[in-house]
Amino acid sequence: MAETHPRFPREGLAARHADHPDGKYRRLAVRDPAATPTLIERLSHDPAVWTRQAAAGDPRLPLRRLRKALHVPELASSAGANPALPENEMAAVLNRADVPA
């Protein structure tokens, strides 16, 4: 998809698409470097699963919401891959999944 291209213009996506009626567009708001943690958290509760997943994987997602997203089946994979997840919590996720150390 074009949105994953390194030169895809990200600035301004939050302002243009955060409240768009189509979830595919709301998902783009997460790609904006100016999107606030508050917006990312709001989008992590979006009706569209792909928007929630994009927000769950974003390092700006507040840690308390990231921890909750780990226990939501459709968000667990994205939240588990979030680079903001503390190492000890990542180890706990791996232990729960019976991934050998």
N, C-alpha and C. Protein backbone atom coordinates (compact mmCIF):
# COMPACT_ATOMS: atom_id res chain seq x y z
N MET A 1 0.83 -1.18 0.00
CA MET A 1 0.00 0.00 0.00
C MET A 1 0.89 1.25 0.00
N ALA A 2 0.40 2.28 -0.59
CA ALA A 2 1.15 3.52 -0.68
C ALA A 2 1.44 4.12 0.69
N GLU A 3 0.56 3.91 1.65
CA GLU A 3 0.75 4.53 2.97
C GLU A 3 1.97 4.00 3.70
N THR A 4 2.48 2.85 3.33
CA THR A 4 3.67 2.31 3.98
C THR A 4 4.96 2.74 3.27
N HIS A 5 4.84 3.41 2.14
CA HIS A 5 6.02 3.89 1.42
C HIS A 5 6.72 4.96 2.27
N PRO A 6 8.06 4.94 2.33
CA PRO A 6 8.77 5.92 3.17
C PRO A 6 8.49 7.38 2.81
N ARG A 7 8.11 7.65 1.59
CA ARG A 7 7.86 9.04 1.19
C ARG A 7 6.37 9.42 1.24
N PHE A 8 5.55 8.54 1.77
CA PHE A 8 4.13 8.85 1.90
C PHE A 8 3.99 10.05 2.83
N PRO A 9 3.30 11.09 2.42
CA PRO A 9 3.19 12.30 3.26
C PRO A 9 2.32 12.04 4.50
N ARG A 10 2.92 12.17 5.67
CA ARG A 10 2.23 11.86 6.91
C ARG A 10 1.75 13.11 7.65
N GLU A 11 2.43 14.22 7.46
CA GLU A 11 2.06 15.44 8.16
C GLU A 11 0.65 15.89 7.78
N GLY A 12 -0.13 16.19 8.77
CA GLY A 12 -1.49 16.69 8.53
C GLY A 12 -2.55 15.60 8.45
N LEU A 13 -2.15 14.34 8.48
CA LEU A 13 -3.14 13.26 8.37
C LEU A 13 -4.12 13.24 9.55
N ALA A 14 -3.62 13.54 10.74
CA ALA A 14 -4.52 13.54 11.91
C ALA A 14 -5.59 14.60 11.78
N ALA A 15 -5.18 15.79 11.39
CA ALA A 15 -6.14 16.89 11.25
C ALA A 15 -7.17 16.58 10.15
N ARG A 16 -6.73 15.96 9.09
CA ARG A 16 -7.64 15.70 7.97
C ARG A 16 -8.52 14.47 8.17
N HIS A 17 -8.00 13.44 8.87
CA HIS A 17 -8.71 12.17 8.84
C HIS A 17 -9.16 11.59 10.18
N ALA A 18 -8.79 12.19 11.30
CA ALA A 18 -9.12 11.60 12.61
C ALA A 18 -10.63 11.42 12.82
N ASP A 19 -11.44 12.27 12.20
CA ASP A 19 -12.89 12.19 12.38
C ASP A 19 -13.61 11.81 11.09
N HIS A 20 -12.88 11.24 10.15
CA HIS A 20 -13.48 10.84 8.87
C HIS A 20 -14.50 9.72 9.13
N PRO A 21 -15.60 9.68 8.38
CA PRO A 21 -16.60 8.64 8.60
C PRO A 21 -16.10 7.22 8.26
N ASP A 22 -15.06 7.10 7.44
CA ASP A 22 -14.53 5.80 7.03
C ASP A 22 -13.31 5.45 7.88
N GLY A 23 -13.36 4.30 8.54
CA GLY A 23 -12.27 3.86 9.40
C GLY A 23 -10.94 3.71 8.70
N LYS A 24 -10.95 3.43 7.41
CA LYS A 24 -9.69 3.33 6.67
C LYS A 24 -8.96 4.66 6.68
N TYR A 25 -9.70 5.74 6.65
CA TYR A 25 -9.10 7.07 6.71
C TYR A 25 -8.69 7.43 8.12
N ARG A 26 -9.50 7.04 9.11
CA ARG A 26 -9.15 7.33 10.50
C ARG A 26 -7.83 6.64 10.86
N ARG A 27 -7.62 5.46 10.30
CA ARG A 27 -6.37 4.73 10.55
C ARG A 27 -5.17 5.56 10.10
N LEU A 28 -5.32 6.33 9.03
CA LEU A 28 -4.22 7.16 8.54
C LEU A 28 -3.80 8.21 9.56
N ALA A 29 -4.71 8.65 10.39
CA ALA A 29 -4.39 9.66 11.40
C ALA A 29 -3.29 9.18 12.33
N VAL A 30 -3.21 7.88 12.57
CA VAL A 30 -2.18 7.32 13.44
C VAL A 30 -0.79 7.54 12.83
N ARG A 31 -0.69 7.61 11.54
CA ARG A 31 0.61 7.78 10.87
C ARG A 31 1.17 9.20 10.97
N ASP A 32 0.36 10.13 11.39
CA ASP A 32 0.81 11.52 11.48
C ASP A 32 1.74 11.67 12.68
N PRO A 33 2.97 12.16 12.46
CA PRO A 33 3.89 12.34 13.60
C PRO A 33 3.38 13.34 14.63
N ALA A 34 2.46 14.19 14.26
CA ALA A 34 1.91 15.18 15.19
C ALA A 34 0.69 14.67 15.96
N ALA A 35 0.24 13.44 15.68
CA ALA A 35 -0.91 12.90 16.41
C ALA A 35 -0.54 12.78 17.89
N THR A 36 -1.43 13.24 18.74
CA THR A 36 -1.16 13.27 20.17
C THR A 36 -1.48 11.91 20.81
N PRO A 37 -0.89 11.63 21.97
CA PRO A 37 -1.25 10.42 22.69
C PRO A 37 -2.76 10.34 22.97
N THR A 38 -3.39 11.48 23.22
CA THR A 38 -4.83 11.50 23.46
C THR A 38 -5.59 11.02 22.22
N LEU A 39 -5.18 11.48 21.05
CA LEU A 39 -5.82 11.04 19.81
C LEU A 39 -5.56 9.56 19.58
N ILE A 40 -4.34 9.11 19.80
CA ILE A 40 -4.01 7.69 19.60
C ILE A 40 -4.86 6.83 20.53
N GLU A 41 -5.01 7.27 21.76
CA GLU A 41 -5.85 6.51 22.69
C GLU A 41 -7.30 6.48 22.21
N ARG A 42 -7.81 7.61 21.76
CA ARG A 42 -9.19 7.65 21.25
C ARG A 42 -9.35 6.69 20.08
N LEU A 43 -8.38 6.68 19.18
CA LEU A 43 -8.46 5.80 18.02
C LEU A 43 -8.30 4.32 18.41
N SER A 44 -7.71 4.06 19.55
CA SER A 44 -7.60 2.66 20.01
C SER A 44 -8.95 2.10 20.46
N HIS A 45 -9.97 2.96 20.53
CA HIS A 45 -11.34 2.55 20.86
C HIS A 45 -12.26 2.69 19.64
N ASP A 46 -11.69 2.92 18.48
CA ASP A 46 -12.46 3.19 17.26
C ASP A 46 -13.36 2.01 16.90
N PRO A 47 -14.49 2.26 16.24
CA PRO A 47 -15.34 1.15 15.81
C PRO A 47 -14.68 0.24 14.77
N ALA A 48 -13.76 0.77 13.97
CA ALA A 48 -13.11 -0.03 12.93
C ALA A 48 -11.90 -0.76 13.51
N VAL A 49 -11.87 -2.07 13.37
CA VAL A 49 -10.80 -2.87 13.97
C VAL A 49 -9.43 -2.48 13.43
N TRP A 50 -9.31 -2.16 12.16
CA TRP A 50 -7.99 -1.82 11.61
C TRP A 50 -7.47 -0.50 12.18
N THR A 51 -8.38 0.39 12.54
CA THR A 51 -7.97 1.63 13.18
C THR A 51 -7.51 1.35 14.61
N ARG A 52 -8.26 0.53 15.34
CA ARG A 52 -7.87 0.15 16.71
C ARG A 52 -6.51 -0.55 16.71
N GLN A 53 -6.29 -1.43 15.73
CA GLN A 53 -5.03 -2.15 15.66
C GLN A 53 -3.86 -1.21 15.37
N ALA A 54 -4.05 -0.27 14.47
CA ALA A 54 -2.99 0.71 14.18
C ALA A 54 -2.64 1.50 15.43
N ALA A 55 -3.65 1.92 16.17
CA ALA A 55 -3.42 2.69 17.40
C ALA A 55 -2.75 1.83 18.47
N ALA A 56 -3.14 0.57 18.58
CA ALA A 56 -2.56 -0.31 19.60
C ALA A 56 -1.07 -0.55 19.37
N GLY A 57 -0.63 -0.46 18.14
CA GLY A 57 0.78 -0.67 17.83
C GLY A 57 1.61 0.59 17.86
N ASP A 58 1.00 1.72 18.13
CA ASP A 58 1.71 3.00 18.10
C ASP A 58 2.36 3.29 19.45
N PRO A 59 3.65 3.66 19.45
CA PRO A 59 4.33 3.91 20.73
C PRO A 59 3.81 5.11 21.51
N ARG A 60 2.98 5.95 20.90
CA ARG A 60 2.40 7.08 21.64
C ARG A 60 1.18 6.67 22.46
N LEU A 61 0.70 5.45 22.27
CA LEU A 61 -0.45 4.98 23.04
C LEU A 61 -0.07 4.98 24.52
N PRO A 62 -0.85 5.63 25.37
CA PRO A 62 -0.52 5.63 26.79
C PRO A 62 -0.39 4.21 27.34
N LEU A 63 0.57 4.02 28.22
CA LEU A 63 0.90 2.69 28.73
C LEU A 63 -0.29 2.00 29.38
N ARG A 64 -1.13 2.75 30.10
CA ARG A 64 -2.29 2.09 30.75
C ARG A 64 -3.23 1.49 29.70
N ARG A 65 -3.41 2.18 28.57
CA ARG A 65 -4.26 1.65 27.50
C ARG A 65 -3.55 0.51 26.78
N LEU A 66 -2.25 0.61 26.60
CA LEU A 66 -1.49 -0.45 25.96
C LEU A 66 -1.61 -1.75 26.76
N ARG A 67 -1.52 -1.63 28.07
CA ARG A 67 -1.66 -2.82 28.93
C ARG A 67 -3.04 -3.46 28.77
N LYS A 68 -4.07 -2.64 28.66
CA LYS A 68 -5.43 -3.17 28.47
C LYS A 68 -5.57 -3.81 27.09
N ALA A 69 -4.97 -3.20 26.08
CA ALA A 69 -5.08 -3.71 24.71
C ALA A 69 -4.46 -5.10 24.58
N LEU A 70 -3.48 -5.41 25.42
CA LEU A 70 -2.87 -6.74 25.39
C LEU A 70 -3.88 -7.85 25.66
N HIS A 71 -4.97 -7.51 26.34
CA HIS A 71 -5.97 -8.50 26.72
C HIS A 71 -7.22 -8.47 25.83
N VAL A 72 -7.17 -7.69 24.77
CA VAL A 72 -8.27 -7.63 23.82
C VAL A 72 -7.85 -8.46 22.60
N PRO A 73 -8.54 -9.56 22.31
CA PRO A 73 -8.07 -10.47 21.26
C PRO A 73 -7.68 -9.81 19.94
N GLU A 74 -8.49 -8.88 19.43
CA GLU A 74 -8.19 -8.30 18.12
C GLU A 74 -7.07 -7.25 18.19
N LEU A 75 -6.66 -6.86 19.42
CA LEU A 75 -5.59 -5.87 19.57
C LEU A 75 -4.30 -6.47 20.13
N ALA A 76 -4.37 -7.67 20.66
CA ALA A 76 -3.23 -8.26 21.38
C ALA A 76 -1.97 -8.33 20.52
N SER A 77 -2.08 -8.71 19.30
CA SER A 77 -0.90 -8.83 18.43
C SER A 77 -0.25 -7.47 18.19
N SER A 78 -1.05 -6.48 17.88
CA SER A 78 -0.52 -5.13 17.65
C SER A 78 0.06 -4.55 18.94
N ALA A 79 -0.63 -4.74 20.05
CA ALA A 79 -0.15 -4.22 21.33
C ALA A 79 1.13 -4.94 21.75
N GLY A 80 1.20 -6.23 21.51
CA GLY A 80 2.39 -7.00 21.87
C GLY A 80 3.61 -6.60 21.06
N ALA A 81 3.40 -6.06 19.87
CA ALA A 81 4.50 -5.61 19.02
C ALA A 81 4.82 -4.13 19.23
N ASN A 82 4.09 -3.45 20.09
CA ASN A 82 4.30 -2.03 20.33
C ASN A 82 5.68 -1.80 20.95
N PRO A 83 6.52 -0.97 20.33
CA PRO A 83 7.86 -0.77 20.88
C PRO A 83 7.88 -0.09 22.24
N ALA A 84 6.78 0.47 22.69
CA ALA A 84 6.73 1.11 24.01
C ALA A 84 6.43 0.11 25.13
N LEU A 85 6.13 -1.12 24.77
CA LEU A 85 5.82 -2.13 25.79
C LEU A 85 7.10 -2.41 26.59
N PRO A 86 7.06 -2.22 27.91
CA PRO A 86 8.25 -2.47 28.72
C PRO A 86 8.72 -3.93 28.60
N GLU A 87 10.02 -4.11 28.71
CA GLU A 87 10.61 -5.44 28.52
C GLU A 87 10.03 -6.49 29.45
N ASN A 88 9.82 -6.12 30.72
CA ASN A 88 9.28 -7.10 31.67
C ASN A 88 7.85 -7.51 31.29
N GLU A 89 7.09 -6.58 30.73
CA GLU A 89 5.72 -6.92 30.32
C GLU A 89 5.74 -7.76 29.04
N MET A 90 6.71 -7.50 28.17
CA MET A 90 6.86 -8.34 26.98
C MET A 90 7.20 -9.77 27.41
N ALA A 91 8.08 -9.92 28.39
CA ALA A 91 8.42 -11.25 28.89
C ALA A 91 7.19 -11.94 29.45
N ALA A 92 6.34 -11.21 30.14
CA ALA A 92 5.11 -11.80 30.69
C ALA A 92 4.18 -12.25 29.57
N VAL A 93 4.09 -11.46 28.50
CA VAL A 93 3.26 -11.85 27.35
C VAL A 93 3.80 -13.15 26.75
N LEU A 94 5.10 -13.22 26.57
CA LEU A 94 5.72 -14.42 26.00
C LEU A 94 5.52 -15.63 26.91
N ASN A 95 5.61 -15.43 28.23
CA ASN A 95 5.38 -16.52 29.17
C ASN A 95 3.95 -17.03 29.08
N ARG A 96 2.98 -16.10 29.00
CA ARG A 96 1.58 -16.51 28.89
C ARG A 96 1.31 -17.28 27.61
N ALA A 97 2.07 -16.97 26.57
CA ALA A 97 1.90 -17.64 25.27
C ALA A 97 2.74 -18.92 25.19
N ASP A 98 3.42 -19.27 26.28
CA ASP A 98 4.29 -20.46 26.34
C ASP A 98 5.39 -20.44 25.28
N VAL A 99 5.92 -19.24 25.03
CA VAL A 99 7.06 -19.10 24.13
C VAL A 99 8.32 -19.35 24.96
N PRO A 100 9.13 -20.34 24.56
CA PRO A 100 10.33 -20.64 25.36
C PRO A 100 11.31 -19.46 25.39
N ALA A 101 11.97 -19.30 26.52
CA ALA A 101 12.95 -18.22 26.69
C ALA A 101 14.25 -18.52 25.99
